[in-house]
Amino acid sequence: MVTIRDVAKESGVSVATVSRVLNQTGYVHEDTRKKVMAAVDNLKYSPNEVARSLYKKKSKLIGLLLPDITNPFFPQLARGVEDEMQKGGYRLLFGNSDENAEKEMDYLNTFIQNNVVGIISATNNKTKTNYKDLSIPVVFLDRTSSDYPSVYADGKEGGRIAAEEIVKRGSKRITLLKGPAHIQPAQDRFQGALEALSQSTVDFHVMSTTSFAFEDAEKWAKELFATYPDTDGVLASNDIVATAVLHEALRLGKSIPEDLQIIGFDDIPQSSLLFPSLSTIRQPAYEMGKEAATLLVKLINKENVQQQHIQMPVTFIDRNTTREVDAHG
């Protein structure tokens, strides 16, 4: 690994001079500065960002806090954030909170100790934590907040679209899976679907769930068919739950989509690879991450931000777990 001493030796100056050039502190002759930067380029030296931030009390580090990295939706968000942040020379410190408020606070403290200049958070505990005490900008991602800038998809519209699509494709006995009560986007999509189903003439049931975790989804899928065996349409709270429902339906010998239609939510990459492939509501996860990063950088640079709450559109992705509309039109 190349060190600051290697740069000093290459450029023929002292370590202190290299430090002044890199940290832009104190006077350095322009010729000397060029010589040091040429050595940095030649040796491909990358300064220790944390060490520099401790010295300057300013860094190019961003804290990114996600609730569950095992859910494929969140790496898409993270990639959008990372790609956009890299353009400005920022680097990410990452935390996975597991929807645990104490773990979340631990990560927030770690971010602050490492002098991050901003935080992007997809937390579910924003009202219970000390975000209000932070002196740096915070942007909430895939979460709504009246107190902080936020980037999120139109979950209520997504729920409404899903309900309307499954009804017009002929399902008459629908089970609506209500996502975890503590996750606002889950409640938004549930409310949108509930309103649309209530305005229709179909029979429907609501079944509550408490998490989006893989290990729980299989249990709820079994419970669904045990409780409502004649269900012919399922509106899942996300694609993970929809996948579990699809697997259980096939295990029971149901024909998809003839006997049962399923619509998920998120459009994670795996959804198109299932057999049959999953119809779902697409949230533009990567684009949401990029928008959150762009917004945070503006806040860090104290630029004028016209729109602090960015709602992004959702779309219905018609695959093989739903039927053709005209077959039941």
Protein backbone atom coordinates (compact mmCIF):
# COMPACT_ATOMS: atom_id res chain seq x y z
CA MET A 1 0.00 0.00 0.00
CA VAL A 2 1.34 3.42 -0.97
CA THR A 3 1.82 5.76 2.01
CA ILE A 4 2.25 9.50 2.41
CA ARG A 5 5.98 8.85 3.01
CA ASP A 6 6.22 7.25 -0.44
CA VAL A 7 4.68 10.38 -1.94
CA ALA A 8 7.14 12.57 -0.01
CA LYS A 9 10.10 10.51 -1.25
CA GLU A 10 8.85 10.50 -4.84
CA SER A 11 8.36 14.27 -4.89
CA GLY A 12 11.51 15.10 -2.90
CA VAL A 13 9.73 17.01 -0.14
CA SER A 14 8.87 16.41 3.50
CA VAL A 15 5.86 14.49 4.76
CA ALA A 16 4.61 17.74 6.32
CA THR A 17 4.68 19.44 2.92
CA VAL A 18 2.73 16.60 1.31
CA SER A 19 0.20 16.86 4.15
CA ARG A 20 -0.19 20.62 3.59
CA VAL A 21 -0.81 20.04 -0.13
CA LEU A 22 -3.36 17.28 0.39
CA ASN A 23 -5.20 19.10 3.18
CA GLN A 24 -4.90 22.53 1.55
CA THR A 25 -3.53 24.07 4.73
CA GLY A 26 -0.62 26.51 4.98
CA TYR A 27 1.45 28.00 2.16
CA VAL A 28 3.05 25.73 -0.44
CA HIS A 29 4.80 27.05 -3.56
CA GLU A 30 2.85 26.25 -6.72
CA ASP A 31 5.76 24.33 -8.27
CA THR A 32 6.00 22.20 -5.12
CA ARG A 33 2.27 21.58 -5.13
CA LYS A 34 2.40 20.39 -8.76
CA LYS A 35 5.35 18.11 -7.94
CA VAL A 36 3.44 16.53 -5.02
CA MET A 37 0.25 16.05 -7.04
CA ALA A 38 2.25 14.47 -9.87
CA ALA A 39 3.70 11.99 -7.36
CA VAL A 40 0.19 11.29 -6.02
CA ASP A 41 -0.98 10.50 -9.56
CA ASN A 42 2.09 8.42 -10.45
CA LEU A 43 1.87 6.33 -7.30
CA LYS A 44 -1.95 6.22 -7.35
CA TYR A 45 -1.93 7.32 -3.73
CA SER A 46 -5.32 7.40 -2.00
CA PRO A 47 -5.34 9.37 1.28
CA ASN A 48 -6.95 7.78 4.31
CA GLU A 49 -10.29 9.59 4.25
CA VAL A 50 -11.03 9.06 7.92
CA ALA A 51 -7.60 10.31 8.98
CA ARG A 52 -7.93 13.37 6.77
CA SER A 53 -11.40 14.09 8.11
CA LEU A 54 -10.13 13.92 11.69
CA TYR A 55 -7.45 16.45 10.80
CA LYS A 56 -9.67 18.80 8.80
CA LYS A 57 -12.94 18.16 10.67
CA LYS A 58 -14.44 17.74 7.22
CA SER A 59 -14.61 14.70 5.00
CA LYS A 60 -16.03 13.29 1.81
CA LEU A 61 -17.75 10.49 3.72
CA ILE A 62 -21.51 9.84 3.65
CA GLY A 63 -23.38 7.56 6.03
CA LEU A 64 -25.94 5.24 4.40
CA LEU A 65 -28.30 3.39 6.72
CA LEU A 66 -30.54 0.61 5.37
CA PRO A 67 -33.02 -1.57 7.29
CA ASP A 68 -32.37 -5.00 5.75
CA ILE A 69 -29.62 -5.72 3.24
CA THR A 70 -31.00 -9.23 2.61
CA ASN A 71 -34.00 -7.66 0.86
CA PRO A 72 -32.86 -7.23 -2.78
CA PHE A 73 -34.74 -3.93 -3.03
CA PHE A 74 -32.29 -2.11 -0.76
CA PRO A 75 -29.04 -2.91 -2.63
CA GLN A 76 -30.69 -1.29 -5.64
CA LEU A 77 -31.24 1.86 -3.60
CA ALA A 78 -27.66 1.69 -2.32
CA ARG A 79 -26.23 1.34 -5.82
CA GLY A 80 -28.07 4.44 -6.98
CA VAL A 81 -26.72 6.38 -3.99
CA GLU A 82 -23.17 5.12 -4.53
CA ASP A 83 -23.02 5.80 -8.26
CA GLU A 84 -24.23 9.36 -7.81
CA MET A 85 -22.01 10.07 -4.81
CA GLN A 86 -18.91 8.83 -6.64
CA LYS A 87 -19.35 11.57 -9.21
CA GLY A 88 -18.66 14.12 -6.49
CA GLY A 89 -15.79 12.19 -4.96
CA TYR A 90 -17.82 11.02 -1.95
CA ARG A 91 -17.49 7.61 -0.34
CA LEU A 92 -20.04 5.64 1.66
CA LEU A 93 -19.99 4.25 5.17
CA PHE A 94 -22.73 1.63 5.30
CA GLY A 95 -24.91 0.40 8.14
CA ASN A 96 -27.57 -2.34 8.23
CA SER A 97 -29.99 -1.69 11.10
CA ASP A 98 -32.10 -4.87 10.86
CA GLU A 99 -35.07 -2.64 11.80
CA ASN A 100 -33.57 -2.43 15.30
CA ALA A 101 -33.64 1.04 16.89
CA GLU A 102 -30.64 0.38 19.15
CA LYS A 103 -28.52 -0.93 16.27
CA GLU A 104 -29.57 2.08 14.24
CA MET A 105 -28.36 4.48 16.94
CA ASP A 106 -25.05 2.61 17.12
CA TYR A 107 -24.53 3.19 13.42
CA LEU A 108 -25.51 6.85 13.66
CA ASN A 109 -22.92 7.30 16.40
CA THR A 110 -20.33 5.51 14.26
CA PHE A 111 -21.11 7.80 11.34
CA ILE A 112 -20.67 10.88 13.50
CA GLN A 113 -17.41 9.57 15.01
CA ASN A 114 -16.07 9.22 11.48
CA ASN A 115 -17.04 12.80 10.61
CA VAL A 116 -19.51 12.04 7.84
CA VAL A 117 -20.82 15.20 6.19
CA GLY A 118 -24.31 13.84 5.58
CA ILE A 119 -26.56 10.84 6.13
CA ILE A 120 -29.04 9.01 3.91
CA SER A 121 -31.37 6.82 5.92
CA ALA A 122 -34.06 4.30 5.05
CA THR A 123 -34.86 3.89 8.74
CA ASN A 124 -38.20 2.77 10.11
CA ASN A 125 -37.57 4.45 13.47
CA LYS A 126 -37.09 8.06 12.45
CA THR A 127 -39.40 9.40 15.17
CA LYS A 128 -37.60 7.46 17.93
CA THR A 129 -34.01 8.37 17.21
CA ASN A 130 -31.82 11.43 17.67
CA TYR A 131 -31.78 12.67 14.10
CA LYS A 132 -33.00 15.98 15.50
CA ASP A 133 -29.70 16.38 17.38
CA LEU A 134 -27.49 15.98 14.30
CA SER A 135 -25.72 19.02 12.94
CA ILE A 136 -25.33 17.57 9.44
CA PRO A 137 -27.89 17.16 6.64
CA VAL A 138 -30.10 14.06 6.62
CA VAL A 139 -32.18 12.75 3.71
CA PHE A 140 -34.71 9.95 4.19
CA LEU A 141 -34.88 7.42 1.37
CA ASP A 142 -37.90 5.20 0.64
CA ARG A 143 -39.48 6.87 3.67
CA THR A 144 -41.70 9.91 4.07
CA SER A 145 -40.93 12.59 6.64
CA SER A 146 -42.52 15.97 7.29
CA ASP A 147 -39.43 17.09 9.23
CA TYR A 148 -36.62 16.13 6.86
CA PRO A 149 -35.96 16.07 3.11
CA SER A 150 -37.06 12.74 1.64
CA VAL A 151 -37.21 10.70 -1.56
CA TYR A 152 -39.90 8.05 -1.89
CA ALA A 153 -42.16 6.30 -4.38
CA ASP A 154 -45.91 6.84 -4.62
CA GLY A 155 -46.89 3.78 -2.60
CA LYS A 156 -50.57 4.67 -2.33
CA GLU A 157 -50.87 4.98 -6.09
CA GLY A 158 -48.99 1.69 -6.46
CA GLY A 159 -51.45 -0.09 -4.19
CA ARG A 160 -54.38 1.37 -6.10
CA ILE A 161 -52.93 0.31 -9.46
CA ALA A 162 -52.27 -3.24 -8.21
CA ALA A 163 -55.84 -3.61 -6.95
CA GLU A 164 -57.37 -2.26 -10.15
CA GLU A 165 -55.20 -4.49 -12.34
CA ILE A 166 -56.05 -7.71 -10.48
CA VAL A 167 -59.77 -6.88 -10.49
CA LYS A 168 -59.95 -6.10 -14.21
CA ARG A 169 -58.10 -9.33 -14.91
CA GLY A 170 -60.93 -11.30 -13.33
CA SER A 171 -60.08 -12.11 -9.70
CA LYS A 172 -63.24 -12.25 -7.54
CA ARG A 173 -61.98 -13.45 -4.14
CA ILE A 174 -58.90 -11.42 -3.30
CA THR A 175 -56.60 -11.56 -0.30
CA LEU A 176 -54.84 -8.27 0.47
CA LEU A 177 -51.66 -8.75 2.48
CA LYS A 178 -51.13 -5.80 4.80
CA GLY A 179 -47.44 -5.07 5.35
CA PRO A 180 -45.77 -4.25 8.69
CA ALA A 181 -47.55 -1.52 10.63
CA HIS A 182 -44.29 0.28 11.53
CA ILE A 183 -43.21 0.69 7.89
CA GLN A 184 -44.96 3.69 6.35
CA PRO A 185 -44.47 2.71 2.67
CA ALA A 186 -46.17 -0.63 3.43
CA GLN A 187 -49.12 1.19 4.94
CA ASP A 188 -49.31 3.60 1.99
CA ARG A 189 -49.56 0.77 -0.54
CA PHE A 190 -52.06 -1.06 1.67
CA GLN A 191 -54.29 2.01 1.93
CA GLY A 192 -54.21 2.53 -1.83
CA ALA A 193 -55.20 -1.08 -2.50
CA LEU A 194 -57.85 -1.05 0.23
CA GLU A 195 -59.54 2.04 -1.19
CA ALA A 196 -59.63 0.57 -4.71
CA LEU A 197 -60.96 -2.82 -3.55
CA SER A 198 -63.60 -1.14 -1.39
CA GLN A 199 -64.90 0.69 -4.45
CA SER A 200 -65.13 -2.53 -6.47
CA THR A 201 -67.71 -5.34 -6.34
CA VAL A 202 -65.27 -8.16 -5.52
CA ASP A 203 -64.99 -10.02 -2.22
CA PHE A 204 -61.72 -9.48 -0.40
CA HIS A 205 -60.02 -10.25 2.88
CA VAL A 206 -57.18 -8.49 4.66
CA MET A 207 -54.37 -10.48 6.24
CA SER A 208 -51.80 -8.67 8.40
CA THR A 209 -48.08 -9.41 8.40
CA THR A 210 -45.37 -8.06 10.69
CA SER A 211 -42.17 -8.03 8.61
CA PHE A 212 -40.75 -8.36 5.11
CA ALA A 213 -38.22 -11.02 6.11
CA PHE A 214 -37.65 -14.10 3.94
CA GLU A 215 -38.07 -16.51 6.83
CA ASP A 216 -41.50 -15.13 7.74
CA ALA A 217 -42.91 -14.97 4.21
CA GLU A 218 -43.20 -18.75 3.83
CA LYS A 219 -45.17 -18.98 7.07
CA TRP A 220 -47.64 -16.33 5.93
CA ALA A 221 -48.08 -17.98 2.55
CA LYS A 222 -49.09 -21.25 4.23
CA GLU A 223 -51.42 -19.36 6.59
CA LEU A 224 -53.02 -17.54 3.68
CA PHE A 225 -54.11 -20.69 1.84
CA ALA A 226 -55.10 -22.45 5.07
CA THR A 227 -57.36 -19.53 6.00
CA TYR A 228 -58.63 -18.54 2.54
CA PRO A 229 -58.33 -21.67 0.36
CA ASP A 230 -60.61 -20.30 -2.36
CA THR A 231 -58.57 -17.11 -2.88
CA ASP A 232 -58.12 -16.43 -6.59
CA GLY A 233 -56.07 -13.26 -6.32
CA VAL A 234 -53.31 -12.10 -3.96
CA LEU A 235 -51.99 -8.56 -3.56
CA ALA A 236 -48.68 -9.07 -1.75
CA SER A 237 -46.99 -6.45 0.42
CA ASN A 238 -43.72 -6.87 -1.50
CA ASP A 239 -42.02 -9.20 -3.99
CA ILE A 240 -40.49 -11.40 -1.29
CA VAL A 241 -43.91 -12.20 0.14
CA ALA A 242 -45.31 -12.60 -3.39
CA THR A 243 -42.56 -15.14 -4.17
CA ALA A 244 -43.45 -17.17 -1.08
CA VAL A 245 -47.14 -17.10 -2.07
CA LEU A 246 -46.25 -18.24 -5.59
CA HIS A 247 -44.16 -21.17 -4.31
CA GLU A 248 -46.86 -22.28 -1.89
CA ALA A 249 -49.57 -22.02 -4.56
CA LEU A 250 -47.54 -24.20 -6.93
CA ARG A 251 -46.88 -26.68 -4.13
CA LEU A 252 -50.65 -26.95 -3.60
CA GLY A 253 -51.13 -27.67 -7.30
CA LYS A 254 -52.73 -24.37 -8.25
CA SER A 255 -52.38 -23.22 -11.84
CA ILE A 256 -50.89 -19.74 -12.20
CA PRO A 257 -52.43 -17.44 -13.37
CA GLU A 258 -55.55 -19.45 -14.29
CA ASP A 259 -56.52 -20.46 -10.73
CA LEU A 260 -54.67 -17.71 -8.90
CA GLN A 261 -53.29 -14.31 -9.84
CA ILE A 262 -50.48 -12.69 -7.82
CA ILE A 263 -49.14 -9.13 -7.88
CA GLY A 264 -46.05 -8.14 -5.89
CA PHE A 265 -44.50 -4.79 -5.09
CA ASP A 266 -40.97 -3.39 -5.74
CA ASP A 267 -39.87 -5.24 -8.92
CA ILE A 268 -36.67 -6.62 -7.41
CA PRO A 269 -34.36 -8.17 -10.07
CA GLN A 270 -35.35 -11.73 -9.09
CA SER A 271 -39.01 -11.11 -9.97
CA SER A 272 -38.43 -11.52 -13.69
CA LEU A 273 -36.47 -14.74 -13.11
CA LEU A 274 -39.21 -16.61 -11.26
CA PHE A 275 -41.26 -19.23 -13.07
CA PRO A 276 -43.81 -18.04 -13.80
CA SER A 277 -42.33 -14.54 -13.74
CA LEU A 278 -43.94 -12.19 -11.23
CA SER A 279 -46.28 -9.35 -12.12
CA THR A 280 -45.53 -6.48 -9.79
CA ILE A 281 -45.54 -2.77 -9.09
CA ARG A 282 -42.16 -1.29 -9.94
CA GLN A 283 -40.55 1.23 -7.62
CA PRO A 284 -37.65 2.99 -9.39
CA ALA A 285 -35.18 1.99 -6.67
CA TYR A 286 -31.93 2.89 -8.44
CA GLU A 287 -33.31 6.26 -9.54
CA MET A 288 -34.57 6.93 -6.01
CA GLY A 289 -31.06 6.34 -4.66
CA LYS A 290 -29.58 8.76 -7.19
CA GLU A 291 -32.17 11.42 -6.35
CA ALA A 292 -31.46 11.09 -2.62
CA ALA A 293 -27.72 11.45 -3.25
CA THR A 294 -28.23 14.51 -5.45
CA LEU A 295 -30.45 16.11 -2.84
CA LEU A 296 -28.00 15.42 -0.01
CA VAL A 297 -25.03 16.88 -1.91
CA LYS A 298 -27.01 20.07 -2.52
CA LEU A 299 -27.77 20.29 1.19
CA ILE A 300 -24.12 19.66 2.09
CA ASN A 301 -23.05 22.44 -0.26
CA LYS A 302 -25.77 24.71 1.17
CA GLU A 303 -27.35 25.15 -2.26
CA ASN A 304 -30.90 26.41 -2.57
CA VAL A 305 -33.19 23.36 -2.74
CA GLN A 306 -36.60 24.07 -4.24
CA GLN A 307 -38.09 20.61 -3.66
CA GLN A 308 -37.17 18.84 -0.43
CA HIS A 309 -39.77 16.06 -0.74
CA ILE A 310 -39.47 14.09 -3.97
CA GLN A 311 -42.19 11.58 -4.81
CA MET A 312 -41.34 9.25 -7.68
CA PRO A 313 -43.82 7.42 -9.93
CA VAL A 314 -44.59 3.69 -9.87
CA THR A 315 -45.62 1.46 -12.77
CA PHE A 316 -47.36 -1.89 -13.22
CA ILE A 317 -45.11 -4.60 -14.68
CA ASP A 318 -47.30 -7.18 -16.40
CA ARG A 319 -45.69 -10.63 -16.38
CA ASN A 320 -46.96 -14.20 -16.05
CA THR A 321 -48.74 -14.26 -12.68
CA THR A 322 -51.60 -12.19 -14.09
CA ARG A 323 -53.98 -12.91 -16.95
CA GLU A 324 -54.79 -10.89 -20.05
CA VAL A 325 -57.36 -8.16 -19.47
CA ASP A 326 -59.51 -8.93 -22.49
CA ALA A 327 -60.00 -12.56 -21.39
CA HIS A 328 -62.31 -11.28 -18.65
CA GLY A 329 -63.29 -7.94 -20.02
